Amino acid sequence: MAYKKARTYADMENDSRVDWVSDERVTEEGIWVYLKEGFINTHLECGTIHEHTVAECCDQLNNAVVDSNTKWRPDRHD
């Protein structure tokens, strides 16, 4: 399935793969993006994205989030 490219904070919040977003930049903890069950961030090998900027979070959402029911395995990044 093709997803609209996330470019903004609102795009992340409205993405169908995202459960919720926690903006903790005021405490220097960055941004946490919690993925819905069934999706995994292949960069961190878990169901979250954690970065310091919106651009970095969008990059991972656009390029590293996959359906966990696919053929992706932690030991194989193809």
PDB file of N, CA and C in Angstrom:
ATOM      1  N   MET A   1       0.837  -1.182   0.000  1.00  0.00           N
ATOM      2  CA  MET A   1       0.000   0.000   0.000  1.00  0.00           C
ATOM      3  C   MET A   1       0.878   1.240   0.000  1.00  0.00           C
ATOM      4  N   ALA A   2       0.535   2.210  -0.797  1.00  0.00           N
ATOM      5  CA  ALA A   2       1.273   3.472  -0.851  1.00  0.00           C
ATOM      6  C   ALA A   2       0.648   4.476   0.116  1.00  0.00           C
ATOM      7  N   TYR A   3       1.503   5.169   0.834  1.00  0.00           N
ATOM      8  CA  TYR A   3       1.053   6.170   1.797  1.00  0.00           C
ATOM      9  C   TYR A   3       1.503   7.542   1.335  1.00  0.00           C
ATOM     10  N   LYS A   4       0.721   8.559   1.691  1.00  0.00           N
ATOM     11  CA  LYS A   4       1.093   9.933   1.390  1.00  0.00           C
ATOM     12  C   LYS A   4       2.373  10.257   2.155  1.00  0.00           C
ATOM     13  N   LYS A   5       3.316  10.919   1.485  1.00  0.00           N
ATOM     14  CA  LYS A   5       4.561  11.287   2.143  1.00  0.00           C
ATOM     15  C   LYS A   5       4.302  12.293   3.251  1.00  0.00           C
ATOM     16  N   ALA A   6       4.806  11.988   4.436  1.00  0.00           N
ATOM     17  CA  ALA A   6       4.687  12.907   5.565  1.00  0.00           C
ATOM     18  C   ALA A   6       5.755  13.983   5.437  1.00  0.00           C
ATOM     19  N   ARG A   7       5.338  15.238   5.581  1.00  0.00           N
ATOM     20  CA  ARG A   7       6.277  16.358   5.508  1.00  0.00           C
ATOM     21  C   ARG A   7       6.157  17.293   6.706  1.00  0.00           C
ATOM     22  N   THR A   8       5.048  17.191   7.428  1.00  0.00           N
ATOM     23  CA  THR A   8       4.790  18.097   8.551  1.00  0.00           C
ATOM     24  C   THR A   8       4.360  17.303   9.774  1.00  0.00           C
ATOM     25  N   TYR A   9       4.315  17.999  10.911  1.00  0.00           N
ATOM     26  CA  TYR A   9       3.832  17.390  12.145  1.00  0.00           C
ATOM     27  C   TYR A   9       2.398  16.893  11.952  1.00  0.00           C
ATOM     28  N   ALA A  10       1.568  17.717  11.315  1.00  0.00           N
ATOM     29  CA  ALA A  10       0.166  17.334  11.066  1.00  0.00           C
ATOM     30  C   ALA A  10       0.078  16.098  10.175  1.00  0.00           C
ATOM     31  N   ASP A  11       0.960  16.005   9.185  1.00  0.00           N
ATOM     32  CA  ASP A  11       0.979  14.810   8.323  1.00  0.00           C
ATOM     33  C   ASP A  11       1.244  13.559   9.153  1.00  0.00           C
ATOM     34  N   MET A  12       2.176  13.652  10.104  1.00  0.00           N
ATOM     35  CA  MET A  12       2.467  12.500  10.965  1.00  0.00           C
ATOM     36  C   MET A  12       1.247  12.138  11.801  1.00  0.00           C
ATOM     37  N   GLU A  13       0.631  13.142  12.415  1.00  0.00           N
ATOM     38  CA  GLU A  13      -0.537  12.894  13.266  1.00  0.00           C
ATOM     39  C   GLU A  13      -1.682  12.249  12.490  1.00  0.00           C
ATOM     40  N   ASN A  14      -1.811  12.603  11.221  1.00  0.00           N
ATOM     41  CA  ASN A  14      -2.926  12.113  10.407  1.00  0.00           C
ATOM     42  C   ASN A  14      -2.605  10.853   9.609  1.00  0.00           C
ATOM     43  N   ASP A  15      -1.388  10.351   9.696  1.00  0.00           N
ATOM     44  CA  ASP A  15      -0.995   9.156   8.953  1.00  0.00           C
ATOM     45  C   ASP A  15      -1.709   7.937   9.538  1.00  0.00           C
ATOM     46  N   SER A  16      -2.244   7.102   8.684  1.00  0.00           N
ATOM     47  CA  SER A  16      -3.023   5.939   9.141  1.00  0.00           C
ATOM     48  C   SER A  16      -2.179   4.892   9.874  1.00  0.00           C
ATOM     49  N   ARG A  17      -0.856   4.976   9.772  1.00  0.00           N
ATOM     50  CA  ARG A  17       0.018   4.034  10.483  1.00  0.00           C
ATOM     51  C   ARG A  17       0.357   4.503  11.894  1.00  0.00           C
ATOM     52  N   VAL A  18       0.020   5.756  12.202  1.00  0.00           N
ATOM     53  CA  VAL A  18       0.406   6.370  13.471  1.00  0.00           C
ATOM     54  C   VAL A  18      -0.738   6.314  14.473  1.00  0.00           C
ATOM     55  N   ASP A  19      -0.429   5.822  15.665  1.00  0.00           N
ATOM     56  CA  ASP A  19      -1.399   5.793  16.753  1.00  0.00           C
ATOM     57  C   ASP A  19      -1.470   7.162  17.413  1.00  0.00           C
ATOM     58  N   TRP A  20      -0.318   7.681  17.841  1.00  0.00           N
ATOM     59  CA  TRP A  20      -0.271   9.025  18.410  1.00  0.00           C
ATOM     60  C   TRP A  20       1.151   9.550  18.411  1.00  0.00           C
ATOM     61  N   VAL A  21       1.267  10.875  18.569  1.00  0.00           N
ATOM     62  CA  VAL A  21       2.558  11.556  18.554  1.00  0.00           C
ATOM     63  C   VAL A  21       2.717  12.322  19.861  1.00  0.00           C
ATOM     64  N   SER A  22       3.891  12.208  20.468  1.00  0.00           N
ATOM     65  CA  SER A  22       4.190  12.941  21.696  1.00  0.00           C
ATOM     66  C   SER A  22       5.360  13.888  21.428  1.00  0.00           C
ATOM     67  N   ASP A  23       5.077  15.187  21.473  1.00  0.00           N
ATOM     68  CA  ASP A  23       6.105  16.198  21.225  1.00  0.00           C
ATOM     69  C   ASP A  23       6.719  16.611  22.564  1.00  0.00           C
ATOM     70  N   GLU A  24       7.925  16.134  22.810  1.00  0.00           N
ATOM     71  CA  GLU A  24       8.613  16.387  24.073  1.00  0.00           C
ATOM     72  C   GLU A  24       9.855  17.246  23.863  1.00  0.00           C
ATOM     73  N   ARG A  25       9.850  18.041  22.799  1.00  0.00           N
ATOM     74  CA  ARG A  25      11.016  18.876  22.509  1.00  0.00           C
ATOM     75  C   ARG A  25      11.255  19.928  23.585  1.00  0.00           C
ATOM     76  N   VAL A  26      10.205  20.365  24.264  1.00  0.00           N
ATOM     77  CA  VAL A  26      10.371  21.375  25.313  1.00  0.00           C
ATOM     78  C   VAL A  26      11.233  20.851  26.461  1.00  0.00           C
ATOM     79  N   THR A  27      11.243  19.536  26.664  1.00  0.00           N
ATOM     80  CA  THR A  27      12.083  18.930  27.704  1.00  0.00           C
ATOM     81  C   THR A  27      13.331  18.278  27.095  1.00  0.00           C
ATOM     82  N   GLU A  28      13.596  18.600  25.829  1.00  0.00           N
ATOM     83  CA  GLU A  28      14.752  18.086  25.086  1.00  0.00           C
ATOM     84  C   GLU A  28      14.724  16.571  24.910  1.00  0.00           C
ATOM     85  N   GLU A  29      13.527  15.999  24.937  1.00  0.00           N
ATOM     86  CA  GLU A  29      13.362  14.557  24.726  1.00  0.00           C
ATOM     87  C   GLU A  29      12.947  14.229  23.300  1.00  0.00           C
ATOM     88  N   GLY A  30      12.832  15.234  22.455  1.00  0.00           N
ATOM     89  CA  GLY A  30      12.520  15.003  21.052  1.00  0.00           C
ATOM     90  C   GLY A  30      11.052  14.714  20.799  1.00  0.00           C
ATOM     91  N   ILE A  31      10.807  14.025  19.713  1.00  0.00           N
ATOM     92  CA  ILE A  31       9.454  13.671  19.290  1.00  0.00           C
ATOM     93  C   ILE A  31       9.353  12.156  19.269  1.00  0.00           C
ATOM     94  N   TRP A  32       8.298  11.648  19.869  1.00  0.00           N
ATOM     95  CA  TRP A  32       8.018  10.209  19.861  1.00  0.00           C
ATOM     96  C   TRP A  32       6.790   9.979  19.000  1.00  0.00           C
ATOM     97  N   VAL A  33       6.913   9.096  18.023  1.00  0.00           N
ATOM     98  CA  VAL A  33       5.795   8.712  17.166  1.00  0.00           C
ATOM     99  C   VAL A  33       5.498   7.247  17.466  1.00  0.00           C
ATOM    100  N   TYR A  34       4.302   7.000  17.969  1.00  0.00           N
ATOM    101  CA  TYR A  34       3.898   5.635  18.322  1.00  0.00           C
ATOM    102  C   TYR A  34       3.078   5.063  17.173  1.00  0.00           C
ATOM    103  N   LEU A  35       3.555   3.967  16.619  1.00  0.00           N
ATOM    104  CA  LEU A  35       2.895   3.341  15.472  1.00  0.00           C
ATOM    105  C   LEU A  35       1.757   2.439  15.934  1.00  0.00           C
ATOM    106  N   LYS A  36       0.774   2.305  15.056  1.00  0.00           N
ATOM    107  CA  LYS A  36      -0.332   1.392  15.346  1.00  0.00           C
ATOM    108  C   LYS A  36       0.173  -0.036  15.330  1.00  0.00           C
ATOM    109  N   GLU A  37      -0.540  -0.880  16.035  1.00  0.00           N
ATOM    110  CA  GLU A  37      -0.193  -2.303  16.056  1.00  0.00           C
ATOM    111  C   GLU A  37      -0.156  -2.820  14.623  1.00  0.00           C
ATOM    112  N   GLY A  38       0.867  -3.594  14.324  1.00  0.00           N
ATOM    113  CA  GLY A  38       1.015  -4.155  12.982  1.00  0.00           C
ATOM    114  C   GLY A  38       2.038  -3.426  12.130  1.00  0.00           C
ATOM    115  N   PHE A  39       2.614  -2.334  12.660  1.00  0.00           N
ATOM    116  CA  PHE A  39       3.647  -1.596  11.930  1.00  0.00           C
ATOM    117  C   PHE A  39       4.924  -1.548  12.755  1.00  0.00           C
ATOM    118  N   ILE A  40       6.053  -1.563  12.053  1.00  0.00           N
ATOM    119  CA  ILE A  40       7.348  -1.545  12.723  1.00  0.00           C
ATOM    120  C   ILE A  40       8.277  -0.564  12.017  1.00  0.00           C
ATOM    121  N   ASN A  41       9.093   0.089  12.799  1.00  0.00           N
ATOM    122  CA  ASN A  41      10.128   0.975  12.279  1.00  0.00           C
ATOM    123  C   ASN A  41      11.382   0.113  12.124  1.00  0.00           C
ATOM    124  N   THR A  42      11.791  -0.133  10.904  1.00  0.00           N
ATOM    125  CA  THR A  42      12.938  -1.013  10.664  1.00  0.00           C
ATOM    126  C   THR A  42      14.248  -0.385  11.123  1.00  0.00           C
ATOM    127  N   HIS A  43      14.278   0.931  11.258  1.00  0.00           N
ATOM    128  CA  HIS A  43      15.491   1.615  11.727  1.00  0.00           C
ATOM    129  C   HIS A  43      15.740   1.307  13.205  1.00  0.00           C
ATOM    130  N   LEU A  44      14.692   1.356  14.013  1.00  0.00           N
ATOM    131  CA  LEU A  44      14.823   1.078  15.447  1.00  0.00           C
ATOM    132  C   LEU A  44      14.379  -0.338  15.822  1.00  0.00           C
ATOM    133  N   GLU A  45      13.791  -1.040  14.861  1.00  0.00           N
ATOM    134  CA  GLU A  45      13.284  -2.402  15.061  1.00  0.00           C
ATOM    135  C   GLU A  45      12.257  -2.474  16.181  1.00  0.00           C
ATOM    136  N   CYS A  46      11.338  -1.498  16.183  1.00  0.00           N
ATOM    137  CA  CYS A  46      10.270  -1.480  17.174  1.00  0.00           C
ATOM    138  C   CYS A  46       9.085  -0.674  16.627  1.00  0.00           C
ATOM    139  N   GLY A  47       8.089  -0.477  17.433  1.00  0.00           N
ATOM    140  CA  GLY A  47       6.870   0.200  17.008  1.00  0.00           C
ATOM    141  C   GLY A  47       6.840   1.691  17.283  1.00  0.00           C
ATOM    142  N   THR A  48       8.020   2.299  17.391  1.00  0.00           N
ATOM    143  CA  THR A  48       8.077   3.741  17.608  1.00  0.00           C
ATOM    144  C   THR A  48       9.111   4.391  16.700  1.00  0.00           C
ATOM    145  N   ILE A  49       8.966   5.702  16.568  1.00  0.00           N
ATOM    146  CA  ILE A  49       9.982   6.549  15.936  1.00  0.00           C
ATOM    147  C   ILE A  49      10.364   7.551  17.012  1.00  0.00           C
ATOM    148  N   HIS A  50      11.646   7.765  17.209  1.00  0.00           N
ATOM    149  CA  HIS A  50      12.098   8.762  18.195  1.00  0.00           C
ATOM    150  C   HIS A  50      13.227   9.566  17.582  1.00  0.00           C
ATOM    151  N   GLU A  51      12.955  10.832  17.328  1.00  0.00           N
ATOM    152  CA  GLU A  51      13.952  11.728  16.749  1.00  0.00           C
ATOM    153  C   GLU A  51      13.800  13.105  17.367  1.00  0.00           C
ATOM    154  N   HIS A  52      14.698  14.014  17.001  1.00  0.00           N
ATOM    155  CA  HIS A  52      14.682  15.355  17.572  1.00  0.00           C
ATOM    156  C   HIS A  52      13.979  16.386  16.705  1.00  0.00           C
ATOM    157  N   THR A  53      13.744  16.070  15.427  1.00  0.00           N
ATOM    158  CA  THR A  53      13.079  17.034  14.550  1.00  0.00           C
ATOM    159  C   THR A  53      11.927  16.371  13.801  1.00  0.00           C
ATOM    160  N   VAL A  54      11.014  17.205  13.342  1.00  0.00           N
ATOM    161  CA  VAL A  54       9.903  16.718  12.528  1.00  0.00           C
ATOM    162  C   VAL A  54      10.439  16.098  11.243  1.00  0.00           C
ATOM    163  N   ALA A  55      11.431  16.737  10.635  1.00  0.00           N
ATOM    164  CA  ALA A  55      11.993  16.222   9.376  1.00  0.00           C
ATOM    165  C   ALA A  55      12.550  14.816   9.548  1.00  0.00           C
ATOM    166  N   GLU A  56      13.269  14.579  10.652  1.00  0.00           N
ATOM    167  CA  GLU A  56      13.835  13.249  10.905  1.00  0.00           C
ATOM    168  C   GLU A  56      12.732  12.216  11.133  1.00  0.00           C
ATOM    169  N   CYS A  57      11.688  12.597  11.857  1.00  0.00           N
ATOM    170  CA  CYS A  57      10.565  11.681  12.082  1.00  0.00           C
ATOM    171  C   CYS A  57       9.857  11.360  10.771  1.00  0.00           C
ATOM    172  N   CYS A  58       9.635  12.386   9.962  1.00  0.00           N
ATOM    173  CA  CYS A  58       8.974  12.166   8.672  1.00  0.00           C
ATOM    174  C   CYS A  58       9.809  11.254   7.781  1.00  0.00           C
ATOM    175  N   ASP A  59      11.121  11.443   7.794  1.00  0.00           N
ATOM    176  CA  ASP A  59      11.995  10.596   6.991  1.00  0.00           C
ATOM    177  C   ASP A  59      11.840   9.133   7.391  1.00  0.00           C
ATOM    178  N   GLN A  60      11.828   8.845   8.671  1.00  0.00           N
ATOM    179  CA  GLN A  60      11.656   7.454   9.112  1.00  0.00           C
ATOM    180  C   GLN A  60      10.259   6.944   8.786  1.00  0.00           C
ATOM    181  N   LEU A  61       9.246   7.773   8.990  1.00  0.00           N
ATOM    182  CA  LEU A  61       7.886   7.340   8.673  1.00  0.00           C
ATOM    183  C   LEU A  61       7.766   7.015   7.191  1.00  0.00           C
ATOM    184  N   ASN A  62       8.380   7.825   6.350  1.00  0.00           N
ATOM    185  CA  ASN A  62       8.300   7.626   4.896  1.00  0.00           C
ATOM    186  C   ASN A  62       9.160   6.472   4.395  1.00  0.00           C
ATOM    187  N   ASN A  63      10.267   6.196   5.067  1.00  0.00           N
ATOM    188  CA  ASN A  63      11.241   5.251   4.514  1.00  0.00           C
ATOM    189  C   ASN A  63      11.536   4.009   5.351  1.00  0.00           C
ATOM    190  N   ALA A  64      11.121   3.984   6.608  1.00  0.00           N
ATOM    191  CA  ALA A  64      11.520   2.863   7.461  1.00  0.00           C
ATOM    192  C   ALA A  64      10.356   2.139   8.125  1.00  0.00           C
ATOM    193  N   VAL A  65       9.136   2.604   7.929  1.00  0.00           N
ATOM    194  CA  VAL A  65       7.990   1.952   8.564  1.00  0.00           C
ATOM    195  C   VAL A  65       7.369   0.956   7.584  1.00  0.00           C
ATOM    196  N   VAL A  66       7.243  -0.279   8.051  1.00  0.00           N
ATOM    197  CA  VAL A  66       6.662  -1.337   7.225  1.00  0.00           C
ATOM    198  C   VAL A  66       5.590  -2.076   8.010  1.00  0.00           C
ATOM    199  N   ASP A  67       4.746  -2.749   7.279  1.00  0.00           N
ATOM    200  CA  ASP A  67       3.752  -3.633   7.879  1.00  0.00           C
ATOM    201  C   ASP A  67       4.506  -4.818   8.469  1.00  0.00           C
ATOM    202  N   SER A  68       4.328  -5.081   9.740  1.00  0.00           N
ATOM    203  CA  SER A  68       5.083  -6.161  10.384  1.00  0.00           C
ATOM    204  C   SER A  68       4.692  -7.543   9.876  1.00  0.00           C
ATOM    205  N   ASN A  69       3.634  -7.622   9.091  1.00  0.00           N
ATOM    206  CA  ASN A  69       3.232  -8.906   8.514  1.00  0.00           C
ATOM    207  C   ASN A  69       3.907  -9.171   7.182  1.00  0.00           C
ATOM    208  N   THR A  70       4.794  -8.265   6.735  1.00  0.00           N
ATOM    209  CA  THR A  70       5.513  -8.476   5.481  1.00  0.00           C
ATOM    210  C   THR A  70       6.677  -9.420   5.715  1.00  0.00           C
ATOM    211  N   LYS A  71       7.493  -9.582   4.692  1.00  0.00           N
ATOM    212  CA  LYS A  71       8.630 -10.486   4.783  1.00  0.00           C
ATOM    213  C   LYS A  71       9.813  -9.873   5.523  1.00  0.00           C
ATOM    214  N   TRP A  72       9.683  -8.636   6.039  1.00  0.00           N
ATOM    215  CA  TRP A  72      10.792  -7.982   6.729  1.00  0.00           C
ATOM    216  C   TRP A  72      11.204  -8.784   7.958  1.00  0.00           C
ATOM    217  N   ARG A  73      12.520  -8.910   8.111  1.00  0.00           N
ATOM    218  CA  ARG A  73      13.082  -9.547   9.302  1.00  0.00           C
ATOM    219  C   ARG A  73      14.209  -8.665   9.815  1.00  0.00           C
ATOM    220  N   PRO A  74      14.406  -8.588  11.128  1.00  0.00           N
ATOM    221  CA  PRO A  74      15.463  -7.729  11.674  1.00  0.00           C
ATOM    222  C   PRO A  74      16.852  -8.023  11.135  1.00  0.00           C
ATOM    223  N   ASP A  75      17.110  -9.244  10.731  1.00  0.00           N
ATOM    224  CA  ASP A  75      18.441  -9.608  10.253  1.00  0.00           C
ATOM    225  C   ASP A  75      18.596  -9.402   8.751  1.00  0.00           C
ATOM    226  N   ARG A  76      17.554  -8.892   8.084  1.00  0.00           N
ATOM    227  CA  ARG A  76      17.605  -8.743   6.626  1.00  0.00           C
ATOM    228  C   ARG A  76      16.944  -7.421   6.236  1.00  0.00           C
ATOM    229  N   HIS A  77      17.710  -6.481   5.734  1.00  0.00           N
ATOM    230  CA  HIS A  77      17.193  -5.153   5.405  1.00  0.00           C
ATOM    231  C   HIS A  77      17.134  -4.964   3.892  1.00  0.00           C
ATOM    232  N   ASP A  78      16.365  -5.768   3.213  1.00  0.00           N
ATOM    233  CA  ASP A  78      16.250  -5.620   1.754  1.00  0.00           C
ATOM    234  C   ASP A  78      14.860  -5.270   1.328  1.00  0.00           C
TER     235      ASP A  78
END
